[in-house]
Amino acid sequence: MSKKTASSDRPVEALRLDNQLCFALYGAANRMTRLYRPLLDALGLTYPQYLVMLVLWERNPQTVGALGEALDLDSSTLTPLLKRLEAGGLVERRRDPEDERRVIVALTDKGRTLRDQAEAIPEQMICALDTPLEALGVLRDRLKTLAK
């Protein structure tokens, strides 16, 4: 057995858990997921499905490629999400008549109607976070920069 030196017993400041950006982001992401869960459960959506719906509510229809680009997801991750949304009657997928290689995803009437129910979610999240709106905007913008 090797004997520990005094220097190996001291915490290295750079390795302290509380100093890790990744851990702060991980904790914040977990909290956001916990806050969203009951709101999305009421809509019958998972968080990734909600993100797909947000993109389609903003611009409908979309190709699978455009959805993947907007959400930074590859088609192998996106396709199962779209299949579940389609099985739930919220979207429909069809081949692009101009290019059979592309798949177009469009909201159904049920998917468009769900938007009205989801409209209150952003405000509910702002209230749950109990943080000034300006601070949330700054944080969102900084995280967008970090994600590039």
Protein backbone atom coordinates (compact mmCIF):
# COMPACT_ATOMS: atom_id res chain seq x y z
CA MET A 1 0.00 0.00 0.00
CA SER A 2 1.26 3.40 -0.82
CA LYS A 3 1.29 6.05 1.82
CA LYS A 4 -0.78 9.19 1.08
CA THR A 5 1.09 12.41 1.12
CA ALA A 6 -0.32 15.49 2.74
CA SER A 7 -0.77 17.13 -0.69
CA SER A 8 -3.04 14.30 -1.92
CA ASP A 9 -5.41 14.84 1.01
CA ARG A 10 -6.00 18.50 0.19
CA PRO A 11 -8.90 19.22 -2.14
CA VAL A 12 -7.81 20.56 -5.49
CA GLU A 13 -9.85 23.72 -5.95
CA ALA A 14 -10.35 23.10 -9.67
CA LEU A 15 -11.82 19.66 -8.88
CA ARG A 16 -14.34 20.75 -6.27
CA LEU A 17 -17.86 19.75 -7.29
CA ASP A 18 -19.27 23.17 -6.46
CA ASN A 19 -16.80 24.78 -8.89
CA GLN A 20 -17.93 22.68 -11.87
CA LEU A 21 -19.98 24.45 -14.54
CA CYS A 22 -21.14 21.07 -15.83
CA PHE A 23 -22.61 20.19 -12.42
CA ALA A 24 -24.45 23.52 -12.16
CA LEU A 25 -25.92 22.98 -15.64
CA TYR A 26 -26.82 19.39 -14.76
CA GLY A 27 -28.64 20.49 -11.60
CA ALA A 28 -30.45 23.29 -13.41
CA ALA A 29 -31.52 20.93 -16.21
CA ASN A 30 -32.84 18.43 -13.67
CA ARG A 31 -34.82 21.14 -11.89
CA MET A 32 -36.30 22.37 -15.16
CA THR A 33 -37.34 18.84 -16.08
CA ARG A 34 -39.01 18.37 -12.67
CA LEU A 35 -40.89 21.66 -13.07
CA TYR A 36 -42.03 20.88 -16.61
CA ARG A 37 -43.10 17.28 -15.90
CA PRO A 38 -46.54 17.90 -14.32
CA LEU A 39 -47.39 20.59 -16.86
CA LEU A 40 -46.49 18.33 -19.77
CA ASP A 41 -48.08 15.24 -18.21
CA ALA A 42 -51.37 17.14 -18.32
CA LEU A 43 -50.86 17.49 -22.10
CA GLY A 44 -49.71 13.89 -22.56
CA LEU A 45 -46.26 15.00 -23.74
CA THR A 46 -42.71 14.27 -22.75
CA TYR A 47 -40.25 17.15 -22.71
CA PRO A 48 -38.59 16.13 -26.03
CA GLN A 49 -42.04 15.79 -27.62
CA TYR A 50 -42.94 19.25 -26.31
CA LEU A 51 -39.85 20.67 -28.02
CA VAL A 52 -40.93 19.13 -31.33
CA MET A 53 -44.39 20.60 -30.89
CA LEU A 54 -42.94 24.04 -30.09
CA VAL A 55 -41.09 24.02 -33.41
CA LEU A 56 -44.20 22.94 -35.30
CA TRP A 57 -46.43 25.48 -33.52
CA GLU A 58 -43.98 28.13 -34.65
CA ARG A 59 -43.73 26.94 -38.23
CA ASN A 60 -45.88 24.16 -39.67
CA PRO A 61 -45.16 21.97 -41.62
CA GLN A 62 -41.46 21.11 -41.36
CA THR A 63 -39.23 18.50 -42.89
CA VAL A 64 -37.66 15.99 -40.52
CA GLY A 65 -34.30 17.52 -41.44
CA ALA A 66 -35.44 21.04 -40.49
CA LEU A 67 -36.85 19.75 -37.18
CA GLY A 68 -33.58 17.98 -36.45
CA GLU A 69 -31.62 21.12 -37.21
CA ALA A 70 -33.85 23.31 -35.03
CA LEU A 71 -33.61 20.88 -32.11
CA ASP A 72 -30.02 19.75 -32.70
CA LEU A 73 -31.18 16.12 -32.95
CA ASP A 74 -30.27 13.49 -35.49
CA SER A 75 -32.97 11.55 -37.32
CA SER A 76 -32.34 8.37 -35.30
CA THR A 77 -33.37 10.28 -32.15
CA LEU A 78 -36.11 12.33 -33.79
CA THR A 79 -37.88 9.52 -35.67
CA PRO A 80 -39.09 7.64 -32.55
CA LEU A 81 -40.36 10.94 -31.09
CA LEU A 82 -42.28 11.66 -34.28
CA LYS A 83 -43.71 8.13 -34.37
CA ARG A 84 -45.08 8.55 -30.83
CA LEU A 85 -46.52 11.97 -31.68
CA GLU A 86 -48.11 10.48 -34.79
CA ALA A 87 -49.53 7.56 -32.79
CA GLY A 88 -51.03 10.13 -30.42
CA GLY A 89 -52.72 11.85 -33.34
CA LEU A 90 -50.77 15.11 -32.94
CA VAL A 91 -48.74 15.04 -36.16
CA GLU A 92 -48.76 13.30 -39.49
CA ARG A 93 -45.74 12.34 -41.56
CA ARG A 94 -45.71 12.08 -45.34
CA ARG A 95 -43.17 11.93 -48.11
CA ASP A 96 -42.44 15.18 -49.89
CA PRO A 97 -44.01 14.81 -53.37
CA GLU A 98 -41.17 16.90 -54.84
CA ASP A 99 -38.43 14.79 -53.22
CA GLU A 100 -39.36 11.31 -51.97
CA ARG A 101 -36.24 11.23 -49.77
CA ARG A 102 -37.64 13.98 -47.54
CA VAL A 103 -40.35 13.45 -44.94
CA ILE A 104 -42.68 16.30 -44.06
CA VAL A 105 -44.16 16.52 -40.57
CA ALA A 106 -47.38 18.48 -40.13
CA LEU A 107 -49.66 19.18 -37.19
CA THR A 108 -53.05 17.56 -37.14
CA ASP A 109 -56.13 19.39 -35.87
CA LYS A 110 -55.53 17.73 -32.50
CA GLY A 111 -51.92 18.97 -32.52
CA ARG A 112 -53.01 22.52 -33.34
CA THR A 113 -55.63 22.42 -30.58
CA LEU A 114 -53.03 21.28 -28.05
CA ARG A 115 -51.24 24.58 -28.61
CA ASP A 116 -54.07 26.42 -26.86
CA GLN A 117 -53.62 24.20 -23.79
CA ALA A 118 -49.84 24.66 -23.84
CA GLU A 119 -50.02 28.43 -24.10
CA ALA A 120 -49.92 28.93 -20.31
CA ILE A 121 -46.80 26.81 -19.76
CA PRO A 122 -44.16 29.54 -20.26
CA GLU A 123 -45.85 31.82 -17.74
CA GLN A 124 -46.27 28.95 -15.28
CA MET A 125 -42.57 28.17 -15.59
CA ILE A 126 -41.58 31.80 -15.01
CA CYS A 127 -43.70 31.83 -11.84
CA ALA A 128 -42.22 28.52 -10.65
CA LEU A 129 -38.66 29.76 -11.14
CA ASP A 130 -39.36 32.89 -9.09
CA THR A 131 -36.59 34.81 -10.84
CA PRO A 132 -36.91 38.23 -12.48
CA LEU A 133 -37.83 38.00 -16.16
CA GLU A 134 -34.82 40.09 -17.19
CA ALA A 135 -32.45 37.72 -15.35
CA LEU A 136 -34.05 34.71 -17.06
CA GLY A 137 -33.58 36.39 -20.45
CA VAL A 138 -29.90 37.08 -19.74
CA LEU A 139 -29.40 33.50 -18.55
CA ARG A 140 -31.13 32.08 -21.64
CA ASP A 141 -28.96 34.21 -23.95
CA ARG A 142 -25.76 33.20 -22.16
CA LEU A 143 -26.69 29.52 -22.35
CA LYS A 144 -27.42 29.88 -26.07
CA THR A 145 -23.94 31.32 -26.54
CA LEU A 146 -22.43 28.48 -24.52
CA ALA A 147 -24.30 25.88 -26.58
CA LYS A 148 -22.82 27.10 -29.90
